[in-house]
Amino acid sequence: QVQLVESGGGLVQPGGSLRLSCIVSGDTFGTYTWFRQPPAKEREFVAAWRRSGGYTYYADSVKGRFTISIDKAISAVYLQMNGLSPEDTAVYYCAAGRPILSNIRSTSAYGYWGRGTQVTVSS
Protein backbone atom coordinates (compact mmCIF):
# COMPACT_ATOMS: atom_id res chain seq x y z
CA GLN A 1 0.00 0.00 0.00
CA VAL A 2 1.43 3.33 -1.06
CA GLN A 3 1.48 6.10 1.50
CA LEU A 4 2.76 9.67 1.37
CA VAL A 5 2.95 11.59 4.63
CA GLU A 6 3.87 15.26 4.71
CA SER A 7 5.16 17.23 7.67
CA GLY A 8 6.94 20.47 8.45
CA GLY A 9 4.24 23.03 7.82
CA GLY A 10 3.41 25.84 10.20
CA LEU A 11 3.22 29.56 10.75
CA VAL A 12 6.18 31.65 9.64
CA GLN A 13 6.84 35.35 9.26
CA PRO A 14 7.43 36.93 5.84
CA GLY A 15 11.01 36.39 4.77
CA GLY A 16 11.30 33.24 6.85
CA SER A 17 12.02 29.65 5.90
CA LEU A 18 10.42 26.24 6.29
CA ARG A 19 11.41 22.75 5.24
CA LEU A 20 8.65 20.37 4.27
CA SER A 21 9.16 16.62 4.31
CA CYS A 22 7.27 13.82 2.61
CA ILE A 23 7.92 10.20 3.48
CA VAL A 24 6.94 7.77 0.74
CA SER A 25 6.34 4.09 1.42
CA GLY A 26 5.03 1.15 -0.55
CA ASP A 27 6.65 1.78 -3.93
CA THR A 28 9.19 3.89 -5.80
CA PHE A 29 8.22 6.34 -8.50
CA GLY A 30 9.70 8.18 -11.41
CA THR A 31 8.58 11.62 -10.30
CA TYR A 32 8.01 13.23 -6.93
CA THR A 33 6.28 16.56 -6.90
CA TRP A 34 5.06 19.25 -4.55
CA PHE A 35 1.80 21.04 -5.28
CA ARG A 36 0.02 23.68 -3.23
CA GLN A 37 -3.51 24.95 -2.90
CA PRO A 38 -3.94 28.53 -1.72
CA PRO A 39 -7.21 29.50 -0.04
CA ALA A 40 -10.11 29.52 -2.51
CA LYS A 41 -7.82 28.69 -5.43
CA GLU A 42 -6.97 25.68 -7.58
CA ARG A 43 -4.16 23.32 -6.69
CA GLU A 44 -0.99 24.40 -8.46
CA PHE A 45 2.39 22.95 -9.31
CA VAL A 46 5.35 23.99 -7.17
CA ALA A 47 8.34 21.72 -7.84
CA ALA A 48 9.19 18.29 -9.20
CA TRP A 49 12.09 15.84 -9.13
CA ARG A 50 12.49 13.19 -11.79
CA ARG A 51 14.44 10.00 -11.18
CA SER A 52 15.61 9.94 -14.78
CA GLY A 53 18.65 12.17 -14.63
CA GLY A 54 17.74 13.69 -11.29
CA TYR A 55 16.36 16.80 -12.97
CA THR A 56 14.32 19.33 -11.03
CA TYR A 57 11.56 21.64 -12.22
CA TYR A 58 10.03 24.67 -10.56
CA ALA A 59 7.11 27.01 -10.94
CA ASP A 60 8.26 30.49 -11.91
CA SER A 61 6.76 31.87 -8.71
CA VAL A 62 9.13 29.85 -6.51
CA LYS A 63 12.24 29.58 -8.67
CA GLY A 64 15.30 30.73 -6.76
CA ARG A 65 13.52 30.50 -3.39
CA PHE A 66 12.41 26.86 -3.14
CA THR A 67 14.49 23.72 -3.55
CA ILE A 68 13.22 20.17 -3.97
CA SER A 69 15.47 17.31 -2.96
CA ILE A 70 15.34 13.58 -2.39
CA ASP A 71 16.87 11.21 0.14
CA LYS A 72 16.67 7.90 -1.67
CA ALA A 73 17.88 5.96 1.35
CA ILE A 74 14.76 6.76 3.33
CA SER A 75 12.40 7.55 0.44
CA ALA A 76 11.95 11.13 1.58
CA VAL A 77 11.13 14.16 -0.52
CA TYR A 78 11.93 17.59 0.82
CA LEU A 79 10.93 21.12 -0.09
CA GLN A 80 13.17 23.81 1.34
CA MET A 81 11.33 27.12 1.21
CA ASN A 82 13.19 30.38 1.72
CA GLY A 83 12.13 33.98 1.38
CA LEU A 84 8.51 33.13 2.12
CA SER A 85 5.80 35.67 1.44
CA PRO A 86 2.07 35.75 2.27
CA GLU A 87 1.41 34.62 -1.33
CA ASP A 88 3.01 31.29 -0.42
CA THR A 89 0.27 30.57 2.11
CA ALA A 90 -1.36 27.30 1.08
CA VAL A 91 -1.83 23.66 1.88
CA TYR A 92 1.19 21.88 0.42
CA TYR A 93 0.78 18.39 -1.02
CA CYS A 94 3.31 15.76 -1.95
CA ALA A 95 2.50 13.63 -5.00
CA ALA A 96 4.14 10.65 -6.67
CA GLY A 97 3.72 9.07 -10.07
CA ARG A 98 5.21 8.25 -13.41
CA PRO A 99 4.02 11.05 -15.70
CA ILE A 100 5.62 11.87 -18.99
CA LEU A 101 7.71 15.01 -18.84
CA SER A 102 5.11 17.21 -20.52
CA ASN A 103 2.58 16.32 -17.82
CA ILE A 104 4.60 16.77 -14.65
CA ARG A 105 2.83 20.04 -13.78
CA SER A 106 -0.62 18.50 -14.07
CA THR A 107 -2.45 17.27 -10.97
CA SER A 108 -4.24 14.65 -13.06
CA ALA A 109 -0.91 12.96 -13.85
CA TYR A 110 -0.43 11.73 -10.29
CA GLY A 111 -2.16 8.81 -8.67
CA TYR A 112 -0.72 9.08 -5.20
CA TRP A 113 -1.07 12.01 -2.85
CA GLY A 114 -0.42 12.92 0.73
CA ARG A 115 -3.01 14.63 2.90
CA GLY A 116 -1.23 17.94 2.88
CA THR A 117 0.45 20.25 5.37
CA GLN A 118 -0.60 23.84 6.03
CA VAL A 119 1.89 26.65 5.48
CA THR A 120 0.85 30.09 6.67
CA VAL A 121 3.04 33.13 6.07
CA SER A 122 1.94 36.06 8.17
CA SER A 123 3.30 38.69 10.50
C-alpha atoms as a PDB file:
ATOM      1  CA  GLN A   1       0.000   0.000   0.000  1.00  0.00           C
ATOM      2  CA  VAL A   2       1.428   3.325  -1.059  1.00  0.00           C
ATOM      3  CA  GLN A   3       1.475   6.100   1.502  1.00  0.00           C
ATOM      4  CA  LEU A   4       2.764   9.666   1.367  1.00  0.00           C
ATOM      5  CA  VAL A   5       2.950  11.587   4.629  1.00  0.00           C
ATOM      6  CA  GLU A   6       3.867  15.263   4.712  1.00  0.00           C
ATOM      7  CA  SER A   7       5.160  17.226   7.674  1.00  0.00           C
ATOM      8  CA  GLY A   8       6.936  20.472   8.452  1.00  0.00           C
ATOM      9  CA  GLY A   9       4.241  23.032   7.818  1.00  0.00           C
ATOM     10  CA  GLY A  10       3.410  25.844  10.198  1.00  0.00           C
ATOM     11  CA  LEU A  11       3.217  29.563  10.748  1.00  0.00           C
ATOM     12  CA  VAL A  12       6.183  31.645   9.637  1.00  0.00           C
ATOM     13  CA  GLN A  13       6.837  35.352   9.263  1.00  0.00           C
ATOM     14  CA  PRO A  14       7.430  36.928   5.842  1.00  0.00           C
ATOM     15  CA  GLY A  15      11.009  36.390   4.775  1.00  0.00           C
ATOM     16  CA  GLY A  16      11.300  33.242   6.848  1.00  0.00           C
ATOM     17  CA  SER A  17      12.018  29.647   5.900  1.00  0.00           C
ATOM     18  CA  LEU A  18      10.423  26.243   6.287  1.00  0.00           C
ATOM     19  CA  ARG A  19      11.407  22.753   5.241  1.00  0.00           C
ATOM     20  CA  LEU A  20       8.647  20.369   4.271  1.00  0.00           C
ATOM     21  CA  SER A  21       9.156  16.623   4.312  1.00  0.00           C
ATOM     22  CA  CYS A  22       7.265  13.820   2.606  1.00  0.00           C
ATOM     23  CA  ILE A  23       7.922  10.204   3.484  1.00  0.00           C
ATOM     24  CA  VAL A  24       6.942   7.766   0.740  1.00  0.00           C
ATOM     25  CA  SER A  25       6.338   4.093   1.424  1.00  0.00           C
ATOM     26  CA  GLY A  26       5.027   1.153  -0.547  1.00  0.00           C
ATOM     27  CA  ASP A  27       6.647   1.784  -3.935  1.00  0.00           C
ATOM     28  CA  THR A  28       9.193   3.888  -5.796  1.00  0.00           C
ATOM     29  CA  PHE A  29       8.221   6.336  -8.505  1.00  0.00           C
ATOM     30  CA  GLY A  30       9.697   8.175 -11.410  1.00  0.00           C
ATOM     31  CA  THR A  31       8.584  11.617 -10.302  1.00  0.00           C
ATOM     32  CA  TYR A  32       8.008  13.230  -6.933  1.00  0.00           C
ATOM     33  CA  THR A  33       6.276  16.562  -6.901  1.00  0.00           C
ATOM     34  CA  TRP A  34       5.059  19.251  -4.550  1.00  0.00           C
ATOM     35  CA  PHE A  35       1.798  21.043  -5.278  1.00  0.00           C
ATOM     36  CA  ARG A  36       0.016  23.680  -3.225  1.00  0.00           C
ATOM     37  CA  GLN A  37      -3.510  24.946  -2.904  1.00  0.00           C
ATOM     38  CA  PRO A  38      -3.936  28.527  -1.717  1.00  0.00           C
ATOM     39  CA  PRO A  39      -7.207  29.499  -0.039  1.00  0.00           C
ATOM     40  CA  ALA A  40     -10.114  29.523  -2.512  1.00  0.00           C
ATOM     41  CA  LYS A  41      -7.823  28.688  -5.432  1.00  0.00           C
ATOM     42  CA  GLU A  42      -6.973  25.680  -7.580  1.00  0.00           C
ATOM     43  CA  ARG A  43      -4.162  23.322  -6.690  1.00  0.00           C
ATOM     44  CA  GLU A  44      -0.992  24.398  -8.457  1.00  0.00           C
ATOM     45  CA  PHE A  45       2.386  22.947  -9.309  1.00  0.00           C
ATOM     46  CA  VAL A  46       5.345  23.987  -7.169  1.00  0.00           C
ATOM     47  CA  ALA A  47       8.338  21.721  -7.840  1.00  0.00           C
ATOM     48  CA  ALA A  48       9.190  18.289  -9.196  1.00  0.00           C
ATOM     49  CA  TRP A  49      12.092  15.840  -9.131  1.00  0.00           C
ATOM     50  CA  ARG A  50      12.485  13.188 -11.787  1.00  0.00           C
ATOM     51  CA  ARG A  51      14.438   9.997 -11.175  1.00  0.00           C
ATOM     52  CA  SER A  52      15.611   9.939 -14.777  1.00  0.00           C
ATOM     53  CA  GLY A  53      18.647  12.172 -14.629  1.00  0.00           C
ATOM     54  CA  GLY A  54      17.743  13.688 -11.285  1.00  0.00           C
ATOM     55  CA  TYR A  55      16.364  16.797 -12.966  1.00  0.00           C
ATOM     56  CA  THR A  56      14.316  19.329 -11.028  1.00  0.00           C
ATOM     57  CA  TYR A  57      11.564  21.642 -12.220  1.00  0.00           C
ATOM     58  CA  TYR A  58      10.030  24.673 -10.558  1.00  0.00           C
ATOM     59  CA  ALA A  59       7.111  27.010 -10.941  1.00  0.00           C
ATOM     60  CA  ASP A  60       8.256  30.489 -11.913  1.00  0.00           C
ATOM     61  CA  SER A  61       6.760  31.871  -8.711  1.00  0.00           C
ATOM     62  CA  VAL A  62       9.133  29.846  -6.509  1.00  0.00           C
ATOM     63  CA  LYS A  63      12.243  29.577  -8.670  1.00  0.00           C
ATOM     64  CA  GLY A  64      15.302  30.726  -6.761  1.00  0.00           C
ATOM     65  CA  ARG A  65      13.515  30.497  -3.393  1.00  0.00           C
ATOM     66  CA  PHE A  66      12.410  26.861  -3.135  1.00  0.00           C
ATOM     67  CA  THR A  67      14.491  23.716  -3.549  1.00  0.00           C
ATOM     68  CA  ILE A  68      13.215  20.173  -3.968  1.00  0.00           C
ATOM     69  CA  SER A  69      15.474  17.306  -2.963  1.00  0.00           C
ATOM     70  CA  ILE A  70      15.338  13.580  -2.390  1.00  0.00           C
ATOM     71  CA  ASP A  71      16.865  11.210   0.139  1.00  0.00           C
ATOM     72  CA  LYS A  72      16.674   7.896  -1.668  1.00  0.00           C
ATOM     73  CA  ALA A  73      17.882   5.956   1.350  1.00  0.00           C
ATOM     74  CA  ILE A  74      14.759   6.764   3.334  1.00  0.00           C
ATOM     75  CA  SER A  75      12.395   7.554   0.444  1.00  0.00           C
ATOM     76  CA  ALA A  76      11.952  11.131   1.576  1.00  0.00           C
ATOM     77  CA  VAL A  77      11.130  14.157  -0.524  1.00  0.00           C
ATOM     78  CA  TYR A  78      11.933  17.595   0.821  1.00  0.00           C
ATOM     79  CA  LEU A  79      10.928  21.122  -0.087  1.00  0.00           C
ATOM     80  CA  GLN A  80      13.173  23.813   1.338  1.00  0.00           C
ATOM     81  CA  MET A  81      11.333  27.121   1.210  1.00  0.00           C
ATOM     82  CA  ASN A  82      13.194  30.378   1.719  1.00  0.00           C
ATOM     83  CA  GLY A  83      12.125  33.975   1.377  1.00  0.00           C
ATOM     84  CA  LEU A  84       8.511  33.128   2.120  1.00  0.00           C
ATOM     85  CA  SER A  85       5.799  35.674   1.441  1.00  0.00           C
ATOM     86  CA  PRO A  86       2.069  35.748   2.267  1.00  0.00           C
ATOM     87  CA  GLU A  87       1.410  34.620  -1.328  1.00  0.00           C
ATOM     88  CA  ASP A  88       3.011  31.286  -0.416  1.00  0.00           C
ATOM     89  CA  THR A  89       0.273  30.565   2.114  1.00  0.00           C
ATOM     90  CA  ALA A  90      -1.358  27.303   1.084  1.00  0.00           C
ATOM     91  CA  VAL A  91      -1.829  23.664   1.878  1.00  0.00           C
ATOM     92  CA  TYR A  92       1.187  21.881   0.416  1.00  0.00           C
ATOM     93  CA  TYR A  93       0.779  18.393  -1.018  1.00  0.00           C
ATOM     94  CA  CYS A  94       3.311  15.755  -1.951  1.00  0.00           C
ATOM     95  CA  ALA A  95       2.499  13.632  -4.997  1.00  0.00           C
ATOM     96  CA  ALA A  96       4.138  10.650  -6.666  1.00  0.00           C
ATOM     97  CA  GLY A  97       3.717   9.072 -10.067  1.00  0.00           C
ATOM     98  CA  ARG A  98       5.210   8.248 -13.414  1.00  0.00           C
ATOM     99  CA  PRO A  99       4.018  11.047 -15.697  1.00  0.00           C
ATOM    100  CA  ILE A 100       5.624  11.866 -18.987  1.00  0.00           C
ATOM    101  CA  LEU A 101       7.708  15.010 -18.840  1.00  0.00           C
ATOM    102  CA  SER A 102       5.110  17.209 -20.524  1.00  0.00           C
ATOM    103  CA  ASN A 103       2.580  16.320 -17.818  1.00  0.00           C
ATOM    104  CA  ILE A 104       4.601  16.765 -14.653  1.00  0.00           C
ATOM    105  CA  ARG A 105       2.831  20.045 -13.784  1.00  0.00           C
ATOM    106  CA  SER A 106      -0.624  18.501 -14.069  1.00  0.00           C
ATOM    107  CA  THR A 107      -2.449  17.270 -10.975  1.00  0.00           C
ATOM    108  CA  SER A 108      -4.236  14.646 -13.056  1.00  0.00           C
ATOM    109  CA  ALA A 109      -0.908  12.960 -13.849  1.00  0.00           C
ATOM    110  CA  TYR A 110      -0.425  11.725 -10.287  1.00  0.00           C
ATOM    111  CA  GLY A 111      -2.159   8.806  -8.674  1.00  0.00           C
ATOM    112  CA  TYR A 112      -0.718   9.077  -5.195  1.00  0.00           C
ATOM    113  CA  TRP A 113      -1.068  12.013  -2.846  1.00  0.00           C
ATOM    114  CA  GLY A 114      -0.417  12.921   0.731  1.00  0.00           C
ATOM    115  CA  ARG A 115      -3.012  14.629   2.897  1.00  0.00           C
ATOM    116  CA  GLY A 116      -1.225  17.943   2.880  1.00  0.00           C
ATOM    117  CA  THR A 117       0.447  20.248   5.367  1.00  0.00           C
ATOM    118  CA  GLN A 118      -0.596  23.839   6.029  1.00  0.00           C
ATOM    119  CA  VAL A 119       1.888  26.649   5.484  1.00  0.00           C
ATOM    120  CA  THR A 120       0.850  30.092   6.671  1.00  0.00           C
ATOM    121  CA  VAL A 121       3.037  33.130   6.071  1.00  0.00           C
ATOM    122  CA  SER A 122       1.941  36.061   8.168  1.00  0.00           C
ATOM    123  CA  SER A 123       3.301  38.689  10.498  1.00  0.00           C
END
